[in-house]
Each structure stands twice: as C-alpha cells, then as structure tokens.
Amino acid sequence: MKDFKSYEPKQPNDKANSVNSTQVNNTVNLAKAVAEAFSGKTETDVLRTILAQAEEGKRNGTLTNADLDNFYATVSPMLDGFKRQKLKQIIAKLKAI
C-alpha cells in the first residue's frame, strides 16, 4: 500500500470469515432499517419496541446470541459510557431468554 487511496481490504478467503462478514452486513442493514423506522420517535418508544421485538425473536428462535453480539458490536461505539453499559445489560438479559 503506497497511500490510502490505493488501499484495498483483503477479501475473506475462508468460510468462517465469509459468514462473519455476512452477519456483520446483516446487522448493519438491520440497524439502518431500525434507524429509518424510528426517525422522529422518542428514545423510550424506540427502546420499548426494540426490546419487544428482540424478546419475541429470542423466544421464537429467529434471534441468536451471535446476532445480539453483532448488534452490540455495531451500535456500542456510537454510544456514550452510560448508554453503552445499559445496552450491555439489556443484551445480557436477552441472551438469558
């Protein structure tokens, strides 16, 4: 790499990297969709809806602990310390379902 413009990220060359990359992309797309859907809503409304949907997903098997980990990894860098800790607690409760 001579400079930043010529940088090309390495392509995943094994199945494990490819699956992980797919999971991250799915999580990013989900986060974008959620952000668009809740534009203009209060933080409390958004949190209630997300929790209800996550609980339903855990109970019916459509939301895995890996999905929750990916969501946390994607969203947590955008939060301050208090909100990040709160999200961590929520993720732990969801994983216990």
PDB file of N, CA and C in Angstrom:
ATOM      1  N   MET A   1       0.860  -1.178   0.000  1.00  0.00           N
ATOM      2  CA  MET A   1       0.000   0.000   0.000  1.00  0.00           C
ATOM      3  C   MET A   1       0.897   1.230   0.000  1.00  0.00           C
ATOM      4  N   LYS A   2       0.778   2.014  -1.034  1.00  0.00           N
ATOM      5  CA  LYS A   2       1.558   3.235  -1.143  1.00  0.00           C
ATOM      6  C   LYS A   2       0.881   4.395  -0.429  1.00  0.00           C
ATOM      7  N   ASP A   3      -0.438   4.452  -0.517  1.00  0.00           N
ATOM      8  CA  ASP A   3      -1.202   5.515   0.116  1.00  0.00           C
ATOM      9  C   ASP A   3      -2.607   5.010   0.414  1.00  0.00           C
ATOM     10  N   PHE A   4      -3.407   5.820   1.070  1.00  0.00           N
ATOM     11  CA  PHE A   4      -4.748   5.408   1.452  1.00  0.00           C
ATOM     12  C   PHE A   4      -5.656   5.170   0.246  1.00  0.00           C
ATOM     13  N   LYS A   5      -5.467   5.918  -0.817  1.00  0.00           N
ATOM     14  CA  LYS A   5      -6.322   5.766  -1.989  1.00  0.00           C
ATOM     15  C   LYS A   5      -6.125   4.411  -2.670  1.00  0.00           C
ATOM     16  N   SER A   6      -4.929   3.855  -2.565  1.00  0.00           N
ATOM     17  CA  SER A   6      -4.673   2.580  -3.233  1.00  0.00           C
ATOM     18  C   SER A   6      -4.970   1.377  -2.346  1.00  0.00           C
ATOM     19  N   TYR A   7      -5.403   1.611  -1.124  1.00  0.00           N
ATOM     20  CA  TYR A   7      -5.691   0.508  -0.202  1.00  0.00           C
ATOM     21  C   TYR A   7      -6.918  -0.270  -0.641  1.00  0.00           C
ATOM     22  N   GLU A   8      -6.792  -1.581  -0.664  1.00  0.00           N
ATOM     23  CA  GLU A   8      -7.919  -2.464  -0.929  1.00  0.00           C
ATOM     24  C   GLU A   8      -7.964  -3.484   0.192  1.00  0.00           C
ATOM     25  N   PRO A   9      -9.078  -3.558   0.910  1.00  0.00           N
ATOM     26  CA  PRO A   9      -9.154  -4.527   2.004  1.00  0.00           C
ATOM     27  C   PRO A   9      -9.052  -5.944   1.470  1.00  0.00           C
ATOM     28  N   LYS A  10      -8.495  -6.824   2.283  1.00  0.00           N
ATOM     29  CA  LYS A  10      -8.384  -8.229   1.904  1.00  0.00           C
ATOM     30  C   LYS A  10      -9.778  -8.830   1.846  1.00  0.00           C
ATOM     31  N   GLN A  11      -9.990  -9.641   0.849  1.00  0.00           N
ATOM     32  CA  GLN A  11     -11.260 -10.340   0.701  1.00  0.00           C
ATOM     33  C   GLN A  11     -11.241 -11.581   1.583  1.00  0.00           C
ATOM     34  N   PRO A  12     -12.382 -11.917   2.189  1.00  0.00           N
ATOM     35  CA  PRO A  12     -12.415 -13.131   3.002  1.00  0.00           C
ATOM     36  C   PRO A  12     -12.097 -14.339   2.124  1.00  0.00           C
ATOM     37  N   ASN A  13     -11.179 -15.178   2.611  1.00  0.00           N
ATOM     38  CA  ASN A  13     -10.774 -16.321   1.797  1.00  0.00           C
ATOM     39  C   ASN A  13     -11.191 -17.648   2.401  1.00  0.00           C
ATOM     40  N   ASP A  14     -11.863 -17.612   3.510  1.00  0.00           N
ATOM     41  CA  ASP A  14     -12.369 -18.864   4.052  1.00  0.00           C
ATOM     42  C   ASP A  14     -13.812 -18.685   4.501  1.00  0.00           C
ATOM     43  N   LYS A  15     -14.470 -19.807   4.707  1.00  0.00           N
ATOM     44  CA  LYS A  15     -15.893 -19.793   5.013  1.00  0.00           C
ATOM     45  C   LYS A  15     -16.194 -19.055   6.308  1.00  0.00           C
ATOM     46  N   ALA A  16     -15.367 -19.216   7.337  1.00  0.00           N
ATOM     47  CA  ALA A  16     -15.604 -18.559   8.630  1.00  0.00           C
ATOM     48  C   ALA A  16     -15.605 -17.053   8.486  1.00  0.00           C
ATOM     49  N   ASN A  17     -14.641 -16.502   7.755  1.00  0.00           N
ATOM     50  CA  ASN A  17     -14.599 -15.054   7.553  1.00  0.00           C
ATOM     51  C   ASN A  17     -15.790 -14.586   6.741  1.00  0.00           C
ATOM     52  N   SER A  18     -16.185 -15.368   5.750  1.00  0.00           N
ATOM     53  CA  SER A  18     -17.309 -15.004   4.905  1.00  0.00           C
ATOM     54  C   SER A  18     -18.606 -14.965   5.700  1.00  0.00           C
ATOM     55  N   VAL A  19     -18.825 -15.946   6.558  1.00  0.00           N
ATOM     56  CA  VAL A  19     -20.032 -15.981   7.383  1.00  0.00           C
ATOM     57  C   VAL A  19     -20.038 -14.806   8.334  1.00  0.00           C
ATOM     58  N   ASN A  20     -18.917 -14.545   8.973  1.00  0.00           N
ATOM     59  CA  ASN A  20     -18.838 -13.433   9.916  1.00  0.00           C
ATOM     60  C   ASN A  20     -19.100 -12.113   9.200  1.00  0.00           C
ATOM     61  N   SER A  21     -18.553 -11.937   8.025  1.00  0.00           N
ATOM     62  CA  SER A  21     -18.775 -10.727   7.250  1.00  0.00           C
ATOM     63  C   SER A  21     -20.245 -10.583   6.887  1.00  0.00           C
ATOM     64  N   THR A  22     -20.891 -11.677   6.530  1.00  0.00           N
ATOM     65  CA  THR A  22     -22.312 -11.660   6.197  1.00  0.00           C
ATOM     66  C   THR A  22     -23.134 -11.264   7.411  1.00  0.00           C
ATOM     67  N   GLN A  23     -22.792 -11.805   8.581  1.00  0.00           N
ATOM     68  CA  GLN A  23     -23.520 -11.472   9.802  1.00  0.00           C
ATOM     69  C   GLN A  23     -23.385  -9.989  10.123  1.00  0.00           C
ATOM     70  N   VAL A  24     -22.201  -9.447   9.970  1.00  0.00           N
ATOM     71  CA  VAL A  24     -21.983  -8.027  10.245  1.00  0.00           C
ATOM     72  C   VAL A  24     -22.791  -7.180   9.267  1.00  0.00           C
ATOM     73  N   ASN A  25     -22.776  -7.549   7.984  1.00  0.00           N
ATOM     74  CA  ASN A  25     -23.549  -6.797   6.990  1.00  0.00           C
ATOM     75  C   ASN A  25     -25.037  -6.843   7.304  1.00  0.00           C
ATOM     76  N   ASN A  26     -25.541  -8.007   7.712  1.00  0.00           N
ATOM     77  CA  ASN A  26     -26.948  -8.118   8.083  1.00  0.00           C
ATOM     78  C   ASN A  26     -27.272  -7.236   9.270  1.00  0.00           C
ATOM     79  N   THR A  27     -26.376  -7.189  10.241  1.00  0.00           N
ATOM     80  CA  THR A  27     -26.587  -6.370  11.426  1.00  0.00           C
ATOM     81  C   THR A  27     -26.584  -4.889  11.067  1.00  0.00           C
ATOM     82  N   VAL A  28     -25.677  -4.482  10.211  1.00  0.00           N
ATOM     83  CA  VAL A  28     -25.609  -3.079   9.779  1.00  0.00           C
ATOM     84  C   VAL A  28     -26.891  -2.707   9.036  1.00  0.00           C
ATOM     85  N   ASN A  29     -27.347  -3.586   8.153  1.00  0.00           N
ATOM     86  CA  ASN A  29     -28.584  -3.309   7.422  1.00  0.00           C
ATOM     87  C   ASN A  29     -29.776  -3.216   8.362  1.00  0.00           C
ATOM     88  N   LEU A  30     -29.806  -4.087   9.361  1.00  0.00           N
ATOM     89  CA  LEU A  30     -30.882  -4.039  10.347  1.00  0.00           C
ATOM     90  C   LEU A  30     -30.842  -2.722  11.123  1.00  0.00           C
ATOM     91  N   ALA A  31     -29.659  -2.315  11.537  1.00  0.00           N
ATOM     92  CA  ALA A  31     -29.529  -1.062  12.280  1.00  0.00           C
ATOM     93  C   ALA A  31     -29.998   0.130  11.440  1.00  0.00           C
ATOM     94  N   LYS A  32     -29.673   0.122  10.155  1.00  0.00           N
ATOM     95  CA  LYS A  32     -30.124   1.198   9.261  1.00  0.00           C
ATOM     96  C   LYS A  32     -31.645   1.214   9.147  1.00  0.00           C
ATOM     97  N   ALA A  33     -32.232   0.039   8.994  1.00  0.00           N
ATOM     98  CA  ALA A  33     -33.680  -0.052   8.859  1.00  0.00           C
ATOM     99  C   ALA A  33     -34.372   0.420  10.129  1.00  0.00           C
ATOM    100  N   VAL A  34     -33.821   0.040  11.263  1.00  0.00           N
ATOM    101  CA  VAL A  34     -34.396   0.462  12.544  1.00  0.00           C
ATOM    102  C   VAL A  34     -34.294   1.971  12.684  1.00  0.00           C
ATOM    103  N   ALA A  35     -33.143   2.533  12.339  1.00  0.00           N
ATOM    104  CA  ALA A  35     -32.962   3.983  12.444  1.00  0.00           C
ATOM    105  C   ALA A  35     -33.967   4.733  11.584  1.00  0.00           C
ATOM    106  N   GLU A  36     -34.191   4.243  10.383  1.00  0.00           N
ATOM    107  CA  GLU A  36     -35.162   4.891   9.489  1.00  0.00           C
ATOM    108  C   GLU A  36     -36.586   4.760  10.023  1.00  0.00           C
ATOM    109  N   ALA A  37     -36.916   3.580  10.542  1.00  0.00           N
ATOM    110  CA  ALA A  37     -38.271   3.332  11.029  1.00  0.00           C
ATOM    111  C   ALA A  37     -38.618   4.188  12.241  1.00  0.00           C
ATOM    112  N   PHE A  38     -37.627   4.500  13.045  1.00  0.00           N
ATOM    113  CA  PHE A  38     -37.892   5.228  14.275  1.00  0.00           C
ATOM    114  C   PHE A  38     -37.493   6.698  14.223  1.00  0.00           C
ATOM    115  N   SER A  39     -37.251   7.190  13.051  1.00  0.00           N
ATOM    116  CA  SER A  39     -36.926   8.594  12.901  1.00  0.00           C
ATOM    117  C   SER A  39     -38.071   9.443  13.454  1.00  0.00           C
ATOM    118  N   GLY A  40     -37.761  10.337  14.372  1.00  0.00           N
ATOM    119  CA  GLY A  40     -38.771  11.212  14.956  1.00  0.00           C
ATOM    120  C   GLY A  40     -39.428  10.664  16.209  1.00  0.00           C
ATOM    121  N   LYS A  41     -39.156   9.423  16.569  1.00  0.00           N
ATOM    122  CA  LYS A  41     -39.737   8.816  17.778  1.00  0.00           C
ATOM    123  C   LYS A  41     -38.857   9.147  18.981  1.00  0.00           C
ATOM    124  N   THR A  42     -39.442   9.033  20.175  1.00  0.00           N
ATOM    125  CA  THR A  42     -38.661   9.283  21.381  1.00  0.00           C
ATOM    126  C   THR A  42     -37.759   8.090  21.659  1.00  0.00           C
ATOM    127  N   GLU A  43     -36.728   8.321  22.415  1.00  0.00           N
ATOM    128  CA  GLU A  43     -35.793   7.254  22.781  1.00  0.00           C
ATOM    129  C   GLU A  43     -36.508   6.128  23.519  1.00  0.00           C
ATOM    130  N   THR A  44     -37.446   6.477  24.379  1.00  0.00           N
ATOM    131  CA  THR A  44     -38.197   5.477  25.141  1.00  0.00           C
ATOM    132  C   THR A  44     -39.038   4.606  24.217  1.00  0.00           C
ATOM    133  N   ASP A  45     -39.710   5.215  23.240  1.00  0.00           N
ATOM    134  CA  ASP A  45     -40.513   4.454  22.279  1.00  0.00           C
ATOM    135  C   ASP A  45     -39.642   3.481  21.490  1.00  0.00           C
ATOM    136  N   VAL A  46     -38.502   3.956  21.053  1.00  0.00           N
ATOM    137  CA  VAL A  46     -37.584   3.124  20.284  1.00  0.00           C
ATOM    138  C   VAL A  46     -37.101   1.945  21.125  1.00  0.00           C
ATOM    139  N   LEU A  47     -36.694   2.216  22.346  1.00  0.00           N
ATOM    140  CA  LEU A  47     -36.172   1.163  23.215  1.00  0.00           C
ATOM    141  C   LEU A  47     -37.238   0.111  23.511  1.00  0.00           C
ATOM    142  N   ARG A  48     -38.444   0.546  23.795  1.00  0.00           N
ATOM    143  CA  ARG A  48     -39.535  -0.406  24.073  1.00  0.00           C
ATOM    144  C   ARG A  48     -39.801  -1.320  22.877  1.00  0.00           C
ATOM    145  N   THR A  49     -39.842  -0.732  21.714  1.00  0.00           N
ATOM    146  CA  THR A  49     -40.127  -1.512  20.511  1.00  0.00           C
ATOM    147  C   THR A  49     -38.998  -2.498  20.211  1.00  0.00           C
ATOM    148  N   ILE A  50     -37.767  -2.042  20.315  1.00  0.00           N
ATOM    149  CA  ILE A  50     -36.623  -2.921  20.066  1.00  0.00           C
ATOM    150  C   ILE A  50     -36.614  -4.079  21.053  1.00  0.00           C
ATOM    151  N   LEU A  51     -36.849  -3.785  22.317  1.00  0.00           N
ATOM    152  CA  LEU A  51     -36.861  -4.843  23.333  1.00  0.00           C
ATOM    153  C   LEU A  51     -37.980  -5.851  23.073  1.00  0.00           C
ATOM    154  N   ALA A  52     -39.155  -5.371  22.726  1.00  0.00           N
ATOM    155  CA  ALA A  52     -40.277  -6.272  22.455  1.00  0.00           C
ATOM    156  C   ALA A  52     -39.967  -7.179  21.264  1.00  0.00           C
ATOM    157  N   GLN A  53     -39.404  -6.606  20.214  1.00  0.00           N
ATOM    158  CA  GLN A  53     -39.066  -7.391  19.033  1.00  0.00           C
ATOM    159  C   GLN A  53     -37.938  -8.384  19.336  1.00  0.00           C
ATOM    160  N   ALA A  54     -36.956  -7.951  20.100  1.00  0.00           N
ATOM    161  CA  ALA A  54     -35.836  -8.838  20.456  1.00  0.00           C
ATOM    162  C   ALA A  54     -36.315  -9.995  21.324  1.00  0.00           C
ATOM    163  N   GLU A  55     -37.158  -9.702  22.291  1.00  0.00           N
ATOM    164  CA  GLU A  55     -37.692 -10.773  23.145  1.00  0.00           C
ATOM    165  C   GLU A  55     -38.493 -11.774  22.310  1.00  0.00           C
ATOM    166  N   GLU A  56     -39.307 -11.278  21.401  1.00  0.00           N
ATOM    167  CA  GLU A  56     -40.085 -12.160  20.537  1.00  0.00           C
ATOM    168  C   GLU A  56     -39.153 -13.019  19.672  1.00  0.00           C
ATOM    169  N   GLY A  57     -38.125 -12.401  19.126  1.00  0.00           N
ATOM    170  CA  GLY A  57     -37.164 -13.129  18.298  1.00  0.00           C
ATOM    171  C   GLY A  57     -36.423 -14.206  19.069  1.00  0.00           C
ATOM    172  N   LYS A  58     -36.042 -13.906  20.296  1.00  0.00           N
ATOM    173  CA  LYS A  58     -35.361 -14.910  21.122  1.00  0.00           C
ATOM    174  C   LYS A  58     -36.295 -16.068  21.437  1.00  0.00           C
ATOM    175  N   ARG A  59     -37.532 -15.764  21.759  1.00  0.00           N
ATOM    176  CA  ARG A  59     -38.489 -16.810  22.121  1.00  0.00           C
ATOM    177  C   ARG A  59     -38.839 -17.718  20.926  1.00  0.00           C
ATOM    178  N   ASN A  60     -38.934 -17.154  19.732  1.00  0.00           N
ATOM    179  CA  ASN A  60     -39.300 -17.978  18.579  1.00  0.00           C
ATOM    180  C   ASN A  60     -38.088 -18.491  17.797  1.00  0.00           C
ATOM    181  N   GLY A  61     -36.887 -18.167  18.267  1.00  0.00           N
ATOM    182  CA  GLY A  61     -35.670 -18.727  17.682  1.00  0.00           C
ATOM    183  C   GLY A  61     -35.119 -18.008  16.467  1.00  0.00           C
ATOM    184  N   THR A  62     -35.639 -16.834  16.141  1.00  0.00           N
ATOM    185  CA  THR A  62     -35.138 -16.103  14.978  1.00  0.00           C
ATOM    186  C   THR A  62     -34.027 -15.111  15.331  1.00  0.00           C
ATOM    187  N   LEU A  63     -33.759 -14.927  16.599  1.00  0.00           N
ATOM    188  CA  LEU A  63     -32.697 -14.035  17.050  1.00  0.00           C
ATOM    189  C   LEU A  63     -31.729 -14.850  17.901  1.00  0.00           C
ATOM    190  N   THR A  64     -30.484 -14.903  17.480  1.00  0.00           N
ATOM    191  CA  THR A  64     -29.481 -15.699  18.188  1.00  0.00           C
ATOM    192  C   THR A  64     -28.596 -14.807  19.050  1.00  0.00           C
ATOM    193  N   ASN A  65     -27.841 -15.444  19.927  1.00  0.00           N
ATOM    194  CA  ASN A  65     -26.886 -14.699  20.739  1.00  0.00           C
ATOM    195  C   ASN A  65     -25.811 -14.059  19.857  1.00  0.00           C
ATOM    196  N   ALA A  66     -25.449 -14.709  18.758  1.00  0.00           N
ATOM    197  CA  ALA A  66     -24.482 -14.121  17.825  1.00  0.00           C
ATOM    198  C   ALA A  66     -25.044 -12.847  17.204  1.00  0.00           C
ATOM    199  N   ASP A  67     -26.337 -12.850  16.885  1.00  0.00           N
ATOM    200  CA  ASP A  67     -26.983 -11.637  16.363  1.00  0.00           C
ATOM    201  C   ASP A  67     -26.912 -10.508  17.385  1.00  0.00           C
ATOM    202  N   LEU A  68     -27.160 -10.857  18.639  1.00  0.00           N
ATOM    203  CA  LEU A  68     -27.111  -9.849  19.709  1.00  0.00           C
ATOM    204  C   LEU A  68     -25.696  -9.306  19.867  1.00  0.00           C
ATOM    205  N   ASP A  69     -24.703 -10.187  19.799  1.00  0.00           N
ATOM    206  CA  ASP A  69     -23.303  -9.745  19.895  1.00  0.00           C
ATOM    207  C   ASP A  69     -22.942  -8.816  18.746  1.00  0.00           C
ATOM    208  N   ASN A  70     -23.383  -9.171  17.538  1.00  0.00           N
ATOM    209  CA  ASN A  70     -23.114  -8.320  16.370  1.00  0.00           C
ATOM    210  C   ASN A  70     -23.798  -6.969  16.508  1.00  0.00           C
ATOM    211  N   PHE A  71     -25.025  -6.970  17.003  1.00  0.00           N
ATOM    212  CA  PHE A  71     -25.743  -5.714  17.208  1.00  0.00           C
ATOM    213  C   PHE A  71     -24.981  -4.837  18.210  1.00  0.00           C
ATOM    214  N   TYR A  72     -24.559  -5.438  19.315  1.00  0.00           N
ATOM    215  CA  TYR A  72     -23.814  -4.685  20.325  1.00  0.00           C
ATOM    216  C   TYR A  72     -22.523  -4.120  19.734  1.00  0.00           C
ATOM    217  N   ALA A  73     -21.796  -4.953  19.006  1.00  0.00           N
ATOM    218  CA  ALA A  73     -20.521  -4.515  18.419  1.00  0.00           C
ATOM    219  C   ALA A  73     -20.727  -3.376  17.419  1.00  0.00           C
ATOM    220  N   THR A  74     -21.848  -3.385  16.734  1.00  0.00           N
ATOM    221  CA  THR A  74     -22.132  -2.360  15.742  1.00  0.00           C
ATOM    222  C   THR A  74     -22.595  -1.051  16.378  1.00  0.00           C
ATOM    223  N   VAL A  75     -23.445  -1.156  17.384  1.00  0.00           N
ATOM    224  CA  VAL A  75     -24.089   0.033  17.955  1.00  0.00           C
ATOM    225  C   VAL A  75     -23.274   0.661  19.085  1.00  0.00           C
ATOM    226  N   SER A  76     -22.610  -0.139  19.889  1.00  0.00           N
ATOM    227  CA  SER A  76     -21.958   0.381  21.092  1.00  0.00           C
ATOM    228  C   SER A  76     -20.935   1.493  20.850  1.00  0.00           C
ATOM    229  N   PRO A  77     -20.167   1.469  19.756  1.00  0.00           N
ATOM    230  CA  PRO A  77     -19.224   2.576  19.548  1.00  0.00           C
ATOM    231  C   PRO A  77     -19.895   3.941  19.374  1.00  0.00           C
ATOM    232  N   MET A  78     -21.178   3.937  19.044  1.00  0.00           N
ATOM    233  CA  MET A  78     -21.896   5.197  18.832  1.00  0.00           C
ATOM    234  C   MET A  78     -22.493   5.751  20.122  1.00  0.00           C
ATOM    235  N   LEU A  79     -22.366   5.008  21.227  1.00  0.00           N
ATOM    236  CA  LEU A  79     -23.000   5.389  22.487  1.00  0.00           C
ATOM    237  C   LEU A  79     -21.986   5.920  23.484  1.00  0.00           C
ATOM    238  N   ASP A  80     -22.475   6.745  24.412  1.00  0.00           N
ATOM    239  CA  ASP A  80     -21.609   7.191  25.499  1.00  0.00           C
ATOM    240  C   ASP A  80     -21.500   6.057  26.522  1.00  0.00           C
ATOM    241  N   GLY A  81     -20.667   6.244  27.519  1.00  0.00           N
ATOM    242  CA  GLY A  81     -20.394   5.194  28.503  1.00  0.00           C
ATOM    243  C   GLY A  81     -21.625   4.662  29.206  1.00  0.00           C
ATOM    244  N   PHE A  82     -22.520   5.545  29.660  1.00  0.00           N
ATOM    245  CA  PHE A  82     -23.719   5.119  30.376  1.00  0.00           C
ATOM    246  C   PHE A  82     -24.634   4.289  29.480  1.00  0.00           C
ATOM    247  N   LYS A  83     -24.878   4.782  28.269  1.00  0.00           N
ATOM    248  CA  LYS A  83     -25.774   4.078  27.351  1.00  0.00           C
ATOM    249  C   LYS A  83     -25.153   2.755  26.892  1.00  0.00           C
ATOM    250  N   ARG A  84     -23.835   2.740  26.717  1.00  0.00           N
ATOM    251  CA  ARG A  84     -23.161   1.506  26.336  1.00  0.00           C
ATOM    252  C   ARG A  84     -23.319   0.454  27.427  1.00  0.00           C
ATOM    253  N   GLN A  85     -23.176   0.864  28.681  1.00  0.00           N
ATOM    254  CA  GLN A  85     -23.347  -0.063  29.807  1.00  0.00           C
ATOM    255  C   GLN A  85     -24.786  -0.558  29.882  1.00  0.00           C
ATOM    256  N   LYS A  86     -25.738   0.315  29.654  1.00  0.00           N
ATOM    257  CA  LYS A  86     -27.159  -0.065  29.664  1.00  0.00           C
ATOM    258  C   LYS A  86     -27.438  -1.077  28.547  1.00  0.00           C
ATOM    259  N   LEU A  87     -26.906  -0.825  27.361  1.00  0.00           N
ATOM    260  CA  LEU A  87     -27.080  -1.757  26.248  1.00  0.00           C
ATOM    261  C   LEU A  87     -26.464  -3.113  26.578  1.00  0.00           C
ATOM    262  N   LYS A  88     -25.315  -3.106  27.209  1.00  0.00           N
ATOM    263  CA  LYS A  88     -24.663  -4.349  27.610  1.00  0.00           C
ATOM    264  C   LYS A  88     -25.549  -5.150  28.558  1.00  0.00           C
ATOM    265  N   GLN A  89     -26.190  -4.465  29.495  1.00  0.00           N
ATOM    266  CA  GLN A  89     -27.103  -5.128  30.436  1.00  0.00           C
ATOM    267  C   GLN A  89     -28.318  -5.694  29.704  1.00  0.00           C
ATOM    268  N   ILE A  90     -28.853  -4.950  28.778  1.00  0.00           N
ATOM    269  CA  ILE A  90     -30.020  -5.390  28.020  1.00  0.00           C
ATOM    270  C   ILE A  90     -29.658  -6.633  27.184  1.00  0.00           C
ATOM    271  N   ILE A  91     -28.507  -6.591  26.541  1.00  0.00           N
ATOM    272  CA  ILE A  91     -28.061  -7.729  25.736  1.00  0.00           C
ATOM    273  C   ILE A  91     -27.906  -8.967  26.621  1.00  0.00           C
ATOM    274  N   ALA A  92     -27.354  -8.801  27.812  1.00  0.00           N
ATOM    275  CA  ALA A  92     -27.190  -9.932  28.731  1.00  0.00           C
ATOM    276  C   ALA A  92     -28.544 -10.521  29.125  1.00  0.00           C
ATOM    277  N   LYS A  93     -29.537  -9.654  29.383  1.00  0.00           N
ATOM    278  CA  LYS A  93     -30.883 -10.147  29.723  1.00  0.00           C
ATOM    279  C   LYS A  93     -31.508 -10.883  28.544  1.00  0.00           C
ATOM    280  N   LEU A  94     -31.335 -10.348  27.352  1.00  0.00           N
ATOM    281  CA  LEU A  94     -31.892 -11.003  26.160  1.00  0.00           C
ATOM    282  C   LEU A  94     -31.238 -12.369  25.925  1.00  0.00           C
ATOM    283  N   LYS A  95     -29.941 -12.448  26.147  1.00  0.00           N
ATOM    284  CA  LYS A  95     -29.246 -13.723  25.966  1.00  0.00           C
ATOM    285  C   LYS A  95     -29.750 -14.788  26.924  1.00  0.00           C
ATOM    286  N   ALA A  96     -30.237 -14.365  28.078  1.00  0.00           N
ATOM    287  CA  ALA A  96     -30.720 -15.317  29.089  1.00  0.00           C
ATOM    288  C   ALA A  96     -32.089 -15.896  28.734  1.00  0.00           C
ATOM    289  N   ILE A  97     -32.756 -15.316  27.757  1.00  0.00           N
ATOM    290  CA  ILE A  97     -34.101 -15.795  27.375  1.00  0.00           C
ATOM    291  C   ILE A  97     -33.958 -17.096  26.607  1.00  0.00           C
TER     292      ILE A  97
END
